[in-house]
Amino acid sequence: MNGAEALLREALPRLDALRETAPLVHCMTGAVSVNFCANTVLALGARPICAEHPAESAEIAAQAAALSLSLANITEVRDCAMRLAAGAAKAADIPMAFDAVGVGASMYRRELVKCYLAEKPWLIKGNASEIRALLLETGRSGAGVDVGAEDRAERGEEEKILALACDAAALARREDTVVLLSGAVDLLTDGERCFALQNGVPLLGKICGSGCALNCLAASFLALKAGRDKKREALLSALLAVTVWNVSAETAEARGPGSLAVELLDRLGRIGGAELSLRFSGEEVRI
């Protein structure tokens, strides 16, 4: 059993625990993806609330078991509400997962992200270009919120994957948190160890909101707060979220992105620990 498999075995009991307790998860994401994110959390077994009015966001965040924030489709009002929610979550020691969507696409987002990193999220998520933008504090043009061609690493491109793993680990060390770099190979690191998670299908990239939904799943598992070590909690929660999401996609009977989006919700409600263990593909990366 390799290190990634051992970590998955430790995380698996959380799937049943989540379905038994149905924690309340505050999901703050863009209008483009909010419905899909809420349905994803419901299908898994948790309870989403998507309040984003500045007058109530902090109060609701303080009542929730976890908070999921995303820069996707950002607006001035939602930024205000998310800052208030992030502050309330930090004050109450409520786990927060932050998705740095499109952070390299504009100076505005690069300035905003500093406020959210200051609230010490338990997990930072982004694609390769977003993680590099966070690490280097620079932007890029032309790719929007998608990963840039120069940053894309496919399965089998070991040198590029290692370079991305080192970037993710450097960001994790700087921010003293756990980083999830999503892509054809998902990379998960606490700055000391890094795991390459290889499940999933390319068609996931054709579903708008799939990345935001994954962040909400990670927050859902974080909501359990099963241990005292925040980094360990974030590692286990993110690993399980990625595995549940990607194995559900692999086993869905989909003809295209539309049917995959529907099948994903169906599969999330039925997926079990035995199937996850059987299909899991991951290994530790030496960084």
Protein backbone atom coordinates (compact mmCIF):
# COMPACT_ATOMS: atom_id res chain seq x y z
CA MET A 1 0.00 0.00 0.00
CA ASN A 2 1.49 3.35 -1.02
CA GLY A 3 1.14 6.63 0.90
CA ALA A 4 -1.83 7.87 -1.12
CA GLU A 5 -3.72 4.60 -0.61
CA ALA A 6 -3.05 4.72 3.13
CA LEU A 7 -4.38 8.28 3.27
CA LEU A 8 -7.53 7.25 1.40
CA ARG A 9 -8.13 4.36 3.81
CA GLU A 10 -7.93 6.80 6.71
CA ALA A 11 -10.34 9.19 4.98
CA LEU A 12 -13.00 6.71 3.85
CA PRO A 13 -15.01 6.53 7.11
CA ARG A 14 -15.83 10.20 6.60
CA LEU A 15 -18.13 9.38 3.70
CA ASP A 16 -20.55 7.47 5.92
CA ALA A 17 -20.09 9.99 8.72
CA LEU A 18 -21.10 12.84 6.42
CA ARG A 19 -24.23 11.03 5.26
CA GLU A 20 -25.19 10.29 8.85
CA THR A 21 -24.70 13.83 10.17
CA ALA A 22 -25.60 15.94 7.07
CA PRO A 23 -23.52 18.99 8.07
CA LEU A 24 -24.57 22.49 7.01
CA VAL A 25 -22.15 23.91 4.44
CA HIS A 26 -22.16 27.59 3.45
CA CYS A 27 -21.40 27.64 -0.29
CA MET A 28 -20.60 31.06 -1.76
CA THR A 29 -19.89 30.83 -5.46
CA GLY A 30 -20.86 32.57 -8.68
CA ALA A 31 -24.33 32.74 -10.21
CA VAL A 32 -23.02 30.63 -13.08
CA SER A 33 -22.46 27.58 -10.85
CA VAL A 34 -24.42 28.04 -7.63
CA ASN A 35 -27.29 25.68 -8.54
CA PHE A 36 -24.93 22.90 -9.61
CA CYS A 37 -22.83 23.33 -6.46
CA ALA A 38 -25.87 23.15 -4.20
CA ASN A 39 -27.15 20.03 -5.92
CA THR A 40 -23.71 18.44 -5.67
CA VAL A 41 -23.55 18.97 -1.91
CA LEU A 42 -27.11 17.66 -1.52
CA ALA A 43 -26.34 14.57 -3.61
CA LEU A 44 -23.32 13.79 -1.45
CA GLY A 45 -25.41 13.96 1.72
CA ALA A 46 -24.60 17.34 3.26
CA ARG A 47 -26.87 20.41 3.44
CA PRO A 48 -25.97 23.51 1.41
CA ILE A 49 -26.90 27.09 2.15
CA CYS A 50 -25.90 29.70 -0.43
CA ALA A 51 -26.61 32.99 1.34
CA GLU A 52 -24.63 35.89 -0.09
CA HIS A 53 -26.28 39.08 1.16
CA PRO A 54 -23.76 41.15 3.17
CA ALA A 55 -26.38 41.71 5.89
CA GLU A 56 -26.51 38.02 6.78
CA SER A 57 -23.44 36.27 5.35
CA ALA A 58 -21.35 36.50 8.53
CA GLU A 59 -24.20 35.32 10.75
CA ILE A 60 -24.89 32.33 8.52
CA ALA A 61 -21.21 31.46 8.14
CA ALA A 62 -20.91 31.35 11.92
CA GLN A 63 -23.80 28.85 12.09
CA ALA A 64 -22.44 26.56 9.36
CA ALA A 65 -20.04 23.67 9.86
CA ALA A 66 -17.84 24.78 6.94
CA LEU A 67 -17.48 27.57 4.40
CA SER A 68 -16.71 27.28 0.68
CA LEU A 69 -15.65 30.48 -1.11
CA SER A 70 -14.98 31.02 -4.81
CA LEU A 71 -13.78 33.98 -6.89
CA ALA A 72 -15.88 32.70 -9.81
CA ASN A 73 -18.11 35.32 -11.45
CA ILE A 74 -17.14 37.78 -8.71
CA THR A 75 -19.24 40.90 -8.00
CA GLU A 76 -18.70 43.80 -5.61
CA VAL A 77 -21.63 42.75 -3.43
CA ARG A 78 -20.58 39.09 -3.26
CA ASP A 79 -17.00 40.10 -2.48
CA CYS A 80 -18.27 42.14 0.46
CA ALA A 81 -20.42 39.25 1.65
CA MET A 82 -17.61 36.72 1.28
CA ARG A 83 -15.16 38.87 3.24
CA LEU A 84 -17.65 39.12 6.08
CA ALA A 85 -18.28 35.36 5.97
CA ALA A 86 -14.57 34.57 5.88
CA GLY A 87 -13.92 36.78 8.90
CA ALA A 88 -16.74 35.15 10.85
CA ALA A 89 -15.51 31.66 9.94
CA LYS A 90 -11.97 32.44 11.06
CA ALA A 91 -13.19 33.93 14.34
CA ALA A 92 -15.29 30.82 15.06
CA ASP A 93 -12.58 28.37 13.86
CA ILE A 94 -14.88 27.10 11.11
CA PRO A 95 -13.06 25.35 8.23
CA MET A 96 -12.85 27.32 5.00
CA ALA A 97 -12.02 26.06 1.50
CA PHE A 98 -11.06 28.82 -0.95
CA ASP A 99 -11.17 28.42 -4.74
CA ALA A 100 -8.97 31.02 -6.47
CA VAL A 101 -10.93 30.97 -9.75
CA GLY A 102 -9.36 33.17 -12.44
CA VAL A 103 -7.00 34.87 -10.00
CA GLY A 104 -4.46 35.46 -12.75
CA ALA A 105 -7.00 36.90 -15.19
CA SER A 106 -7.20 40.42 -13.73
CA MET A 107 -5.46 42.78 -11.35
CA TYR A 108 -8.76 43.14 -9.50
CA ARG A 109 -8.84 39.45 -8.58
CA ARG A 110 -5.15 39.46 -7.61
CA GLU A 111 -5.85 42.26 -5.14
CA LEU A 112 -9.00 40.59 -3.79
CA VAL A 113 -7.28 37.29 -3.13
CA LYS A 114 -4.96 38.85 -0.56
CA CYS A 115 -7.96 39.54 1.68
CA TYR A 116 -9.09 35.91 1.57
CA LEU A 117 -5.63 34.44 2.14
CA ALA A 118 -5.33 36.67 5.21
CA GLU A 119 -8.31 34.79 6.71
CA LYS A 120 -6.22 31.57 6.66
CA PRO A 121 -8.29 29.08 4.64
CA TRP A 122 -7.75 25.46 5.57
CA LEU A 123 -7.63 24.58 1.86
CA ILE A 124 -6.65 26.57 -1.24
CA LYS A 125 -7.79 25.18 -4.59
CA GLY A 126 -6.93 26.20 -8.12
CA ASN A 127 -5.80 24.97 -11.50
CA ALA A 128 -2.13 25.11 -12.48
CA SER A 129 -2.26 28.69 -13.79
CA GLU A 130 -4.17 29.90 -10.73
CA ILE A 131 -1.72 28.29 -8.30
CA ARG A 132 1.22 29.83 -10.16
CA ALA A 133 -0.50 33.22 -10.18
CA LEU A 134 -0.95 32.97 -6.40
CA LEU A 135 2.63 31.87 -5.90
CA LEU A 136 4.27 34.43 -8.19
CA GLU A 137 1.66 37.18 -7.68
CA THR A 138 1.54 37.79 -11.43
CA GLY A 139 -1.19 37.63 -14.05
CA ARG A 140 -1.64 36.15 -17.48
CA SER A 141 -3.83 37.00 -20.44
CA GLY A 142 -5.99 35.17 -22.93
CA ALA A 143 -7.00 32.09 -20.95
CA GLY A 144 -9.72 33.62 -18.75
CA VAL A 145 -10.43 31.21 -15.90
CA ASP A 146 -9.08 28.19 -17.81
CA VAL A 147 -5.64 26.74 -17.28
CA GLY A 148 -3.10 28.21 -19.69
CA ALA A 149 -1.62 25.91 -22.33
CA GLU A 150 1.86 26.49 -20.94
CA ASP A 151 0.78 25.23 -17.51
CA ARG A 152 -1.21 22.19 -18.63
CA ALA A 153 0.25 18.83 -17.62
CA GLU A 154 -1.21 15.59 -18.95
CA ARG A 155 -0.83 12.14 -17.46
CA GLY A 156 2.60 10.77 -18.24
CA GLU A 157 4.29 14.19 -18.37
CA GLU A 158 6.28 13.52 -15.24
CA GLU A 159 8.62 16.51 -15.40
CA LYS A 160 5.77 19.00 -15.78
CA ILE A 161 3.79 17.28 -13.03
CA LEU A 162 6.80 17.47 -10.70
CA ALA A 163 7.25 21.18 -11.48
CA LEU A 164 3.57 21.84 -10.68
CA ALA A 165 3.86 19.78 -7.50
CA CYS A 166 6.79 21.92 -6.37
CA ASP A 167 4.80 25.11 -7.08
CA ALA A 168 1.82 23.82 -5.10
CA ALA A 169 4.05 22.77 -2.21
CA ALA A 170 5.78 26.17 -2.16
CA LEU A 171 2.41 27.92 -1.93
CA ALA A 172 1.28 25.54 0.83
CA ARG A 173 4.40 26.32 2.84
CA ARG A 174 4.10 30.07 2.32
CA GLU A 175 0.45 30.17 3.38
CA ASP A 176 0.81 27.40 5.99
CA THR A 177 -2.12 25.47 4.56
CA VAL A 178 -3.05 22.64 2.18
CA VAL A 179 -3.19 23.22 -1.58
CA LEU A 180 -5.20 21.29 -4.16
CA LEU A 181 -4.01 21.84 -7.73
CA SER A 182 -6.67 20.46 -10.06
CA GLY A 183 -5.96 19.14 -13.53
CA ALA A 184 -5.64 15.97 -15.59
CA VAL A 185 -3.63 14.82 -12.58
CA ASP A 186 -4.78 16.42 -9.33
CA LEU A 187 -1.98 17.37 -6.93
CA LEU A 188 -2.58 17.63 -3.20
CA THR A 189 0.06 18.90 -0.77
CA ASP A 190 0.60 20.25 2.73
CA GLY A 191 4.02 21.60 1.73
CA GLU A 192 5.90 18.57 2.98
CA ARG A 193 4.19 15.68 1.21
CA CYS A 194 2.50 15.72 -2.19
CA PHE A 195 0.07 13.22 -3.71
CA ALA A 196 -0.76 12.79 -7.40
CA LEU A 197 -4.38 11.67 -7.83
CA GLN A 198 -5.03 10.17 -11.23
CA ASN A 199 -8.74 9.32 -11.39
CA GLY A 200 -11.19 11.33 -13.50
CA VAL A 201 -12.28 11.87 -17.09
CA PRO A 202 -11.48 14.77 -19.49
CA LEU A 203 -15.20 15.41 -19.97
CA LEU A 204 -15.35 16.91 -16.47
CA GLY A 205 -13.63 19.97 -17.89
CA LYS A 206 -16.64 20.57 -20.15
CA ILE A 207 -19.05 21.06 -17.23
CA CYS A 208 -19.30 24.67 -16.05
CA GLY A 209 -19.00 24.77 -12.29
CA SER A 210 -17.33 21.38 -11.84
CA GLY A 211 -14.33 22.96 -10.13
CA CYS A 212 -16.51 25.06 -7.81
CA ALA A 213 -18.52 21.93 -6.98
CA LEU A 214 -15.34 20.07 -6.06
CA ASN A 215 -14.40 22.86 -3.67
CA CYS A 216 -17.84 22.56 -2.06
CA LEU A 217 -17.34 18.80 -1.66
CA ALA A 218 -14.00 19.38 0.07
CA ALA A 219 -15.67 21.88 2.41
CA SER A 220 -18.40 19.32 3.11
CA PHE A 221 -15.87 16.79 4.37
CA LEU A 222 -14.00 19.51 6.27
CA ALA A 223 -17.26 20.22 8.08
CA LEU A 224 -16.84 16.99 10.04
CA LYS A 225 -13.73 18.34 11.83
CA ALA A 226 -12.84 14.79 12.82
CA GLY A 227 -9.42 15.70 14.21
CA ARG A 228 -7.48 18.59 15.74
CA ASP A 229 -4.73 18.87 13.11
CA LYS A 230 -6.06 21.34 10.52
CA LYS A 231 -3.62 20.35 7.80
CA ARG A 232 -4.32 16.68 8.31
CA GLU A 233 -8.05 17.40 8.19
CA ALA A 234 -7.66 19.33 4.95
CA LEU A 235 -5.49 16.62 3.36
CA LEU A 236 -7.99 13.88 4.18
CA SER A 237 -11.02 15.95 3.20
CA ALA A 238 -9.59 17.08 -0.12
CA LEU A 239 -8.30 13.61 -1.01
CA LEU A 240 -11.72 12.10 -0.34
CA ALA A 241 -13.54 14.86 -2.22
CA VAL A 242 -11.33 14.45 -5.30
CA THR A 243 -11.68 10.68 -5.23
CA VAL A 244 -15.46 10.70 -4.77
CA TRP A 245 -15.85 13.26 -7.55
CA ASN A 246 -13.52 11.63 -10.07
CA VAL A 247 -14.58 8.03 -9.49
CA SER A 248 -18.21 9.12 -9.78
CA ALA A 249 -17.33 10.64 -13.16
CA GLU A 250 -15.47 7.52 -14.28
CA THR A 251 -18.40 5.25 -13.48
CA ALA A 252 -21.13 7.51 -14.87
CA GLU A 253 -22.85 6.36 -18.05
CA ALA A 254 -22.50 9.63 -19.91
CA ARG A 255 -22.78 10.46 -23.61
CA GLY A 256 -21.58 14.04 -23.22
CA PRO A 257 -21.20 16.87 -20.70
CA GLY A 258 -24.96 17.28 -20.24
CA SER A 259 -25.63 13.68 -19.32
CA LEU A 260 -22.44 13.56 -17.24
CA ALA A 261 -23.64 16.47 -15.09
CA VAL A 262 -26.86 14.58 -14.34
CA GLU A 263 -25.15 11.23 -13.86
CA LEU A 264 -22.62 12.77 -11.47
CA LEU A 265 -25.38 13.74 -9.09
CA ASP A 266 -26.87 10.25 -9.27
CA ARG A 267 -23.51 8.58 -8.70
CA LEU A 268 -22.58 10.84 -5.76
CA GLY A 269 -25.59 9.58 -3.86
CA ARG A 270 -24.69 5.91 -4.41
CA ILE A 271 -20.90 5.76 -4.35
CA GLY A 272 -19.45 3.74 -1.49
CA GLY A 273 -16.13 3.13 0.16
CA ALA A 274 -15.54 -0.28 -1.43
CA GLU A 275 -15.86 1.11 -4.95
CA LEU A 276 -13.63 4.06 -4.13
CA SER A 277 -10.92 1.75 -2.78
CA LEU A 278 -11.15 -0.54 -5.79
CA ARG A 279 -10.88 2.20 -8.40
CA PHE A 280 -8.52 4.59 -6.62
CA SER A 281 -5.41 5.61 -8.54
CA GLY A 282 -2.87 7.77 -6.73
CA GLU A 283 0.70 7.90 -5.53
CA GLU A 284 3.02 10.07 -3.52
CA VAL A 285 5.28 12.48 -5.43
CA ARG A 286 8.77 13.17 -4.13
CA ILE A 287 9.26 16.92 -3.98
